[in-house]
Amino acid sequence: RYVDFLPTYGTEELTEEIAKAMDELKDCEGIIIFTDLMGGSPFNVAASLGHGKENVRIVAGTNLPMLVEIVMS
């Protein structure tokens, strides 16, 4: 599941969208969240929502070649 960080979003909307996506995936064995920059809004929101959850991992510094490799494997 992907969450787009639209130019019109603030952190509140982003928090709602990521929380909704995580809720949809709650029955999965694990959740990996890929963000672009460590310290950016998507990373900070994901880190906040994933804090204390054993099945959530966050990867910062994601780029297009990384995503293609992940999808293909």
PDB file of N, CA and C in Angstrom:
ATOM      1  N   ARG A   1       0.864  -1.168   0.000  1.00  0.00           N
ATOM      2  CA  ARG A   1       0.000   0.000   0.000  1.00  0.00           C
ATOM      3  C   ARG A   1       0.896   1.211   0.000  1.00  0.00           C
ATOM      4  N   TYR A   2       0.564   2.207  -0.759  1.00  0.00           N
ATOM      5  CA  TYR A   2       1.362   3.425  -0.752  1.00  0.00           C
ATOM      6  C   TYR A   2       0.530   4.584  -0.216  1.00  0.00           C
ATOM      7  N   VAL A   3       1.246   5.560   0.326  1.00  0.00           N
ATOM      8  CA  VAL A   3       0.615   6.797   0.789  1.00  0.00           C
ATOM      9  C   VAL A   3       1.362   7.931   0.108  1.00  0.00           C
ATOM     10  N   ASP A   4       0.639   8.742  -0.619  1.00  0.00           N
ATOM     11  CA  ASP A   4       1.227   9.880  -1.303  1.00  0.00           C
ATOM     12  C   ASP A   4       1.197  11.088  -0.379  1.00  0.00           C
ATOM     13  N   PHE A   5       2.300  11.815  -0.331  1.00  0.00           N
ATOM     14  CA  PHE A   5       2.366  13.042   0.465  1.00  0.00           C
ATOM     15  C   PHE A   5       2.128  14.200  -0.502  1.00  0.00           C
ATOM     16  N   LEU A   6       0.865  14.544  -0.636  1.00  0.00           N
ATOM     17  CA  LEU A   6       0.468  15.579  -1.589  1.00  0.00           C
ATOM     18  C   LEU A   6       0.910  16.962  -1.133  1.00  0.00           C
ATOM     19  N   PRO A   7       1.158  17.870  -2.084  1.00  0.00           N
ATOM     20  CA  PRO A   7       1.574  19.231  -1.721  1.00  0.00           C
ATOM     21  C   PRO A   7       0.566  19.953  -0.830  1.00  0.00           C
ATOM     22  N   THR A   8      -0.698  19.548  -0.911  1.00  0.00           N
ATOM     23  CA  THR A   8      -1.734  20.198  -0.105  1.00  0.00           C
ATOM     24  C   THR A   8      -1.826  19.626   1.307  1.00  0.00           C
ATOM     25  N   TYR A   9      -1.121  18.520   1.580  1.00  0.00           N
ATOM     26  CA  TYR A   9      -1.181  17.888   2.895  1.00  0.00           C
ATOM     27  C   TYR A   9      -0.309  18.616   3.905  1.00  0.00           C
ATOM     28  N   GLY A  10      -0.816  18.663   5.114  1.00  0.00           N
ATOM     29  CA  GLY A  10      -0.006  19.022   6.261  1.00  0.00           C
ATOM     30  C   GLY A  10       0.325  17.728   6.992  1.00  0.00           C
ATOM     31  N   THR A  11       1.008  17.820   8.108  1.00  0.00           N
ATOM     32  CA  THR A  11       1.364  16.600   8.840  1.00  0.00           C
ATOM     33  C   THR A  11       0.135  15.896   9.409  1.00  0.00           C
ATOM     34  N   GLU A  12      -0.939  16.643   9.672  1.00  0.00           N
ATOM     35  CA  GLU A  12      -2.148  16.018  10.199  1.00  0.00           C
ATOM     36  C   GLU A  12      -2.758  15.063   9.169  1.00  0.00           C
ATOM     37  N   GLU A  13      -2.863  15.524   7.913  1.00  0.00           N
ATOM     38  CA  GLU A  13      -3.424  14.679   6.856  1.00  0.00           C
ATOM     39  C   GLU A  13      -2.519  13.483   6.573  1.00  0.00           C
ATOM     40  N   LEU A  14      -1.222  13.734   6.584  1.00  0.00           N
ATOM     41  CA  LEU A  14      -0.273  12.644   6.358  1.00  0.00           C
ATOM     42  C   LEU A  14      -0.371  11.613   7.474  1.00  0.00           C
ATOM     43  N   THR A  15      -0.492  12.064   8.704  1.00  0.00           N
ATOM     44  CA  THR A  15      -0.645  11.155   9.843  1.00  0.00           C
ATOM     45  C   THR A  15      -1.893  10.302   9.683  1.00  0.00           C
ATOM     46  N   GLU A  16      -3.002  10.918   9.284  1.00  0.00           N
ATOM     47  CA  GLU A  16      -4.245  10.169   9.074  1.00  0.00           C
ATOM     48  C   GLU A  16      -4.075   9.110   7.987  1.00  0.00           C
ATOM     49  N   GLU A  17      -3.428   9.476   6.874  1.00  0.00           N
ATOM     50  CA  GLU A  17      -3.265   8.550   5.750  1.00  0.00           C
ATOM     51  C   GLU A  17      -2.345   7.383   6.105  1.00  0.00           C
ATOM     52  N   ILE A  18      -1.243   7.662   6.781  1.00  0.00           N
ATOM     53  CA  ILE A  18      -0.330   6.582   7.170  1.00  0.00           C
ATOM     54  C   ILE A  18      -0.986   5.689   8.214  1.00  0.00           C
ATOM     55  N   ALA A  19      -1.687   6.281   9.166  1.00  0.00           N
ATOM     56  CA  ALA A  19      -2.382   5.483  10.188  1.00  0.00           C
ATOM     57  C   ALA A  19      -3.431   4.587   9.547  1.00  0.00           C
ATOM     58  N   LYS A  20      -4.162   5.104   8.559  1.00  0.00           N
ATOM     59  CA  LYS A  20      -5.162   4.309   7.862  1.00  0.00           C
ATOM     60  C   LYS A  20      -4.507   3.146   7.117  1.00  0.00           C
ATOM     61  N   ALA A  21      -3.385   3.414   6.453  1.00  0.00           N
ATOM     62  CA  ALA A  21      -2.672   2.355   5.730  1.00  0.00           C
ATOM     63  C   ALA A  21      -2.150   1.295   6.701  1.00  0.00           C
ATOM     64  N   MET A  22      -1.606   1.718   7.827  1.00  0.00           N
ATOM     65  CA  MET A  22      -1.106   0.762   8.815  1.00  0.00           C
ATOM     66  C   MET A  22      -2.238  -0.074   9.389  1.00  0.00           C
ATOM     67  N   ASP A  23      -3.396   0.539   9.568  1.00  0.00           N
ATOM     68  CA  ASP A  23      -4.555  -0.198  10.072  1.00  0.00           C
ATOM     69  C   ASP A  23      -5.004  -1.252   9.065  1.00  0.00           C
ATOM     70  N   GLU A  24      -4.973  -0.918   7.776  1.00  0.00           N
ATOM     71  CA  GLU A  24      -5.339  -1.880   6.735  1.00  0.00           C
ATOM     72  C   GLU A  24      -4.373  -3.065   6.710  1.00  0.00           C
ATOM     73  N   LEU A  25      -3.140  -2.837   7.126  1.00  0.00           N
ATOM     74  CA  LEU A  25      -2.106  -3.875   7.089  1.00  0.00           C
ATOM     75  C   LEU A  25      -1.862  -4.525   8.448  1.00  0.00           C
ATOM     76  N   LYS A  26      -2.738  -4.285   9.402  1.00  0.00           N
ATOM     77  CA  LYS A  26      -2.511  -4.754  10.775  1.00  0.00           C
ATOM     78  C   LYS A  26      -2.395  -6.268  10.899  1.00  0.00           C
ATOM     79  N   ASP A  27      -2.989  -7.003   9.961  1.00  0.00           N
ATOM     80  CA  ASP A  27      -2.926  -8.459  10.024  1.00  0.00           C
ATOM     81  C   ASP A  27      -1.690  -9.031   9.332  1.00  0.00           C
ATOM     82  N   CYS A  28      -0.876  -8.168   8.745  1.00  0.00           N
ATOM     83  CA  CYS A  28       0.348  -8.624   8.081  1.00  0.00           C
ATOM     84  C   CYS A  28       1.407  -8.985   9.115  1.00  0.00           C
ATOM     85  N   GLU A  29       2.319  -9.845   8.699  1.00  0.00           N
ATOM     86  CA  GLU A  29       3.405 -10.250   9.591  1.00  0.00           C
ATOM     87  C   GLU A  29       4.315  -9.071   9.930  1.00  0.00           C
ATOM     88  N   GLY A  30       4.522  -8.200   8.969  1.00  0.00           N
ATOM     89  CA  GLY A  30       5.376  -7.038   9.192  1.00  0.00           C
ATOM     90  C   GLY A  30       5.048  -5.931   8.215  1.00  0.00           C
ATOM     91  N   ILE A  31       5.411  -4.727   8.580  1.00  0.00           N
ATOM     92  CA  ILE A  31       5.193  -3.555   7.736  1.00  0.00           C
ATOM     93  C   ILE A  31       6.530  -2.851   7.567  1.00  0.00           C
ATOM     94  N   ILE A  32       6.897  -2.580   6.318  1.00  0.00           N
ATOM     95  CA  ILE A  32       8.089  -1.797   6.022  1.00  0.00           C
ATOM     96  C   ILE A  32       7.622  -0.499   5.400  1.00  0.00           C
ATOM     97  N   ILE A  33       8.037   0.609   5.973  1.00  0.00           N
ATOM     98  CA  ILE A  33       7.672   1.925   5.462  1.00  0.00           C
ATOM     99  C   ILE A  33       8.923   2.544   4.844  1.00  0.00           C
ATOM    100  N   PHE A  34       8.828   2.895   3.566  1.00  0.00           N
ATOM    101  CA  PHE A  34       9.934   3.515   2.848  1.00  0.00           C
ATOM    102  C   PHE A  34       9.672   5.006   2.735  1.00  0.00           C
ATOM    103  N   THR A  35      10.630   5.812   3.175  1.00  0.00           N
ATOM    104  CA  THR A  35      10.508   7.269   3.087  1.00  0.00           C
ATOM    105  C   THR A  35      11.711   7.825   2.352  1.00  0.00           C
ATOM    106  N   ASP A  36      11.583   9.069   1.919  1.00  0.00           N
ATOM    107  CA  ASP A  36      12.681   9.648   1.162  1.00  0.00           C
ATOM    108  C   ASP A  36      13.819  10.145   2.062  1.00  0.00           C
ATOM    109  N   LEU A  37      13.577  11.063   2.933  1.00  0.00           N
ATOM    110  CA  LEU A  37      14.636  11.666   3.742  1.00  0.00           C
ATOM    111  C   LEU A  37      14.437  11.423   5.231  1.00  0.00           C
ATOM    112  N   MET A  38      15.500  11.034   5.892  1.00  0.00           N
ATOM    113  CA  MET A  38      15.433  10.940   7.346  1.00  0.00           C
ATOM    114  C   MET A  38      15.283  12.357   7.892  1.00  0.00           C
ATOM    115  N   GLY A  39      14.324  12.539   8.755  1.00  0.00           N
ATOM    116  CA  GLY A  39      14.082  13.858   9.329  1.00  0.00           C
ATOM    117  C   GLY A  39      13.007  14.648   8.607  1.00  0.00           C
ATOM    118  N   GLY A  40      12.574  14.159   7.434  1.00  0.00           N
ATOM    119  CA  GLY A  40      11.483  14.821   6.713  1.00  0.00           C
ATOM    120  C   GLY A  40      10.142  14.457   7.334  1.00  0.00           C
ATOM    121  N   SER A  41       9.107  15.154   6.922  1.00  0.00           N
ATOM    122  CA  SER A  41       7.778  14.915   7.498  1.00  0.00           C
ATOM    123  C   SER A  41       7.309  13.470   7.361  1.00  0.00           C
ATOM    124  N   PRO A  42       7.418  12.835   6.178  1.00  0.00           N
ATOM    125  CA  PRO A  42       6.967  11.439   6.083  1.00  0.00           C
ATOM    126  C   PRO A  42       7.724  10.511   7.043  1.00  0.00           C
ATOM    127  N   PHE A  43       9.028  10.707   7.144  1.00  0.00           N
ATOM    128  CA  PHE A  43       9.810   9.880   8.065  1.00  0.00           C
ATOM    129  C   PHE A  43       9.384  10.130   9.507  1.00  0.00           C
ATOM    130  N   ASN A  44       9.257  11.383   9.886  1.00  0.00           N
ATOM    131  CA  ASN A  44       8.901  11.717  11.274  1.00  0.00           C
ATOM    132  C   ASN A  44       7.532  11.168  11.660  1.00  0.00           C
ATOM    133  N   VAL A  45       6.566  11.282  10.742  1.00  0.00           N
ATOM    134  CA  VAL A  45       5.227  10.765  11.026  1.00  0.00           C
ATOM    135  C   VAL A  45       5.264   9.241  11.130  1.00  0.00           C
ATOM    136  N   ALA A  46       5.947   8.580  10.191  1.00  0.00           N
ATOM    137  CA  ALA A  46       6.039   7.123  10.214  1.00  0.00           C
ATOM    138  C   ALA A  46       6.746   6.647  11.477  1.00  0.00           C
ATOM    139  N   ALA A  47       7.812   7.323  11.865  1.00  0.00           N
ATOM    140  CA  ALA A  47       8.536   6.946  13.080  1.00  0.00           C
ATOM    141  C   ALA A  47       7.655   7.102  14.313  1.00  0.00           C
ATOM    142  N   SER A  48       6.883   8.162  14.339  1.00  0.00           N
ATOM    143  CA  SER A  48       5.983   8.385  15.465  1.00  0.00           C
ATOM    144  C   SER A  48       4.911   7.299  15.542  1.00  0.00           C
ATOM    145  N   LEU A  49       4.305   6.969  14.398  1.00  0.00           N
ATOM    146  CA  LEU A  49       3.246   5.955  14.385  1.00  0.00           C
ATOM    147  C   LEU A  49       3.794   4.545  14.597  1.00  0.00           C
ATOM    148  N   GLY A  50       5.010   4.300  14.151  1.00  0.00           N
ATOM    149  CA  GLY A  50       5.584   2.964  14.270  1.00  0.00           C
ATOM    150  C   GLY A  50       6.318   2.718  15.576  1.00  0.00           C
ATOM    151  N   HIS A  51       6.532   3.772  16.361  1.00  0.00           N
ATOM    152  CA  HIS A  51       7.272   3.639  17.612  1.00  0.00           C
ATOM    153  C   HIS A  51       6.606   2.627  18.547  1.00  0.00           C
ATOM    154  N   GLY A  52       7.387   1.675  19.001  1.00  0.00           N
ATOM    155  CA  GLY A  52       6.894   0.678  19.941  1.00  0.00           C
ATOM    156  C   GLY A  52       6.202  -0.504  19.294  1.00  0.00           C
ATOM    157  N   LYS A  53       6.081  -0.503  17.983  1.00  0.00           N
ATOM    158  CA  LYS A  53       5.452  -1.625  17.288  1.00  0.00           C
ATOM    159  C   LYS A  53       6.547  -2.531  16.730  1.00  0.00           C
ATOM    160  N   GLU A  54       6.568  -3.751  17.201  1.00  0.00           N
ATOM    161  CA  GLU A  54       7.623  -4.694  16.830  1.00  0.00           C
ATOM    162  C   GLU A  54       7.620  -5.074  15.358  1.00  0.00           C
ATOM    163  N   ASN A  55       6.457  -4.981  14.704  1.00  0.00           N
ATOM    164  CA  ASN A  55       6.370  -5.442  13.321  1.00  0.00           C
ATOM    165  C   ASN A  55       6.518  -4.310  12.298  1.00  0.00           C
ATOM    166  N   VAL A  56       6.927  -3.110  12.726  1.00  0.00           N
ATOM    167  CA  VAL A  56       7.071  -1.970  11.820  1.00  0.00           C
ATOM    168  C   VAL A  56       8.539  -1.584  11.712  1.00  0.00           C
ATOM    169  N   ARG A  57       8.999  -1.469  10.463  1.00  0.00           N
ATOM    170  CA  ARG A  57      10.363  -1.007  10.176  1.00  0.00           C
ATOM    171  C   ARG A  57      10.259   0.165   9.218  1.00  0.00           C
ATOM    172  N   ILE A  58      11.159   1.132   9.372  1.00  0.00           N
ATOM    173  CA  ILE A  58      11.159   2.306   8.513  1.00  0.00           C
ATOM    174  C   ILE A  58      12.521   2.410   7.840  1.00  0.00           C
ATOM    175  N   VAL A  59      12.485   2.599   6.515  1.00  0.00           N
ATOM    176  CA  VAL A  59      13.712   2.746   5.733  1.00  0.00           C
ATOM    177  C   VAL A  59      13.710   4.153   5.156  1.00  0.00           C
ATOM    178  N   ALA A  60      14.719   4.944   5.527  1.00  0.00           N
ATOM    179  CA  ALA A  60      14.847   6.302   5.000  1.00  0.00           C
ATOM    180  C   ALA A  60      15.874   6.308   3.872  1.00  0.00           C
ATOM    181  N   GLY A  61      15.782   7.299   3.026  1.00  0.00           N
ATOM    182  CA  GLY A  61      16.719   7.419   1.914  1.00  0.00           C
ATOM    183  C   GLY A  61      16.306   6.611   0.699  1.00  0.00           C
ATOM    184  N   THR A  62      15.044   6.260   0.623  1.00  0.00           N
ATOM    185  CA  THR A  62      14.551   5.443  -0.484  1.00  0.00           C
ATOM    186  C   THR A  62      14.562   6.255  -1.781  1.00  0.00           C
ATOM    187  N   ASN A  63      14.964   5.587  -2.867  1.00  0.00           N
ATOM    188  CA  ASN A  63      14.935   6.217  -4.185  1.00  0.00           C
ATOM    189  C   ASN A  63      14.306   5.252  -5.182  1.00  0.00           C
ATOM    190  N   LEU A  64      14.100   5.701  -6.400  1.00  0.00           N
ATOM    191  CA  LEU A  64      13.406   4.889  -7.398  1.00  0.00           C
ATOM    192  C   LEU A  64      14.103   3.559  -7.675  1.00  0.00           C
ATOM    193  N   PRO A  65      15.425   3.512  -7.873  1.00  0.00           N
ATOM    194  CA  PRO A  65      16.055   2.210  -8.095  1.00  0.00           C
ATOM    195  C   PRO A  65      15.839   1.224  -6.937  1.00  0.00           C
ATOM    196  N   MET A  66      15.834   1.723  -5.717  1.00  0.00           N
ATOM    197  CA  MET A  66      15.571   0.867  -4.568  1.00  0.00           C
ATOM    198  C   MET A  66      14.163   0.288  -4.625  1.00  0.00           C
ATOM    199  N   LEU A  67      13.185   1.131  -4.954  1.00  0.00           N
ATOM    200  CA  LEU A  67      11.802   0.671  -5.024  1.00  0.00           C
ATOM    201  C   LEU A  67      11.621  -0.366  -6.134  1.00  0.00           C
ATOM    202  N   VAL A  68      12.251  -0.150  -7.264  1.00  0.00           N
ATOM    203  CA  VAL A  68      12.156  -1.129  -8.358  1.00  0.00           C
ATOM    204  C   VAL A  68      12.745  -2.453  -7.917  1.00  0.00           C
ATOM    205  N   GLU A  69      13.876  -2.424  -7.258  1.00  0.00           N
ATOM    206  CA  GLU A  69      14.506  -3.657  -6.773  1.00  0.00           C
ATOM    207  C   GLU A  69      13.618  -4.376  -5.768  1.00  0.00           C
ATOM    208  N   ILE A  70      13.012  -3.629  -4.879  1.00  0.00           N
ATOM    209  CA  ILE A  70      12.137  -4.222  -3.861  1.00  0.00           C
ATOM    210  C   ILE A  70      10.924  -4.864  -4.510  1.00  0.00           C
ATOM    211  N   VAL A  71      10.308  -4.166  -5.440  1.00  0.00           N
ATOM    212  CA  VAL A  71       9.119  -4.691  -6.100  1.00  0.00           C
ATOM    213  C   VAL A  71       9.456  -5.940  -6.923  1.00  0.00           C
ATOM    214  N   MET A  72      10.603  -5.935  -7.565  1.00  0.00           N
ATOM    215  CA  MET A  72      10.992  -7.044  -8.425  1.00  0.00           C
ATOM    216  C   MET A  72      11.441  -8.274  -7.625  1.00  0.00           C
ATOM    217  N   SER A  73      11.791  -8.099  -6.366  1.00  0.00           N
ATOM    218  CA  SER A  73      12.225  -9.235  -5.547  1.00  0.00           C
ATOM    219  C   SER A  73      11.154  -9.633  -4.603  1.00  0.00           C
TER     220      SER A  73
END
